Amino acid sequence: MSNTVTVNVGTAVTASVVVSDNAICDDQSTLLTASAVGGSGTYSSFAWTGTGSAQLSSLIIAAPTFNPDPVAVQTVYVFTVTVTDNLGCSGQTTVSVTVDPLPVAQAVTSAVATVCYGTGTNIQLATTQTGVSYQLRNNTGNVAIGSPVVSTGGAINLPTGNLTSNT
């Protein structure tokens, strides 16, 4: 007499994560959205771990929001999510979010305080932060003037273009 036992093996659980924005400033937030395929198809739990997990809105939901604390230097946070199906099978994946510090406000001066109608001047920043882009904007309507200038850490000039009113 022989007995036969059949053991069914399901497919592996494969987890994935989509990040609404994986490069943010420390005053912003981003949504991490986990999903999975395979396994039983019914996923009973999501578990988040990693360097910034204390700053997630929840460690046990599929789509927590990451609200980073202020940082002094660019910081990369790595998150791991483990997705478990209702049979106890799990899969995991990692994702990273880069958080940049807010630029420090800089003192600005005008190369020339009064100019003739239709002429311009430079707005000067004596000190700047390396890697930060500076953009001159008009007070009326917040319109960009000229192109952004990427700083190398020294003084920079932002040309006003030809002016026809006080700014």
Foldseek 3Di string as FASTA:
>chain_A
DDDDDDDDDWFAKAKDWDKPAQEEALQDKIKIAMDIDIDPRAWDWKAKDWDQVVQWPDGTDRITMGRHDADPAKDKIKMKMWIAGPVGGIYMDIDIHIYGYDWDDFDWDWPDPDDDQFAWTWIKTAWGDAQDWDFDADPVPRHTADDTDGDRTGMDIDIRGGDHDDD
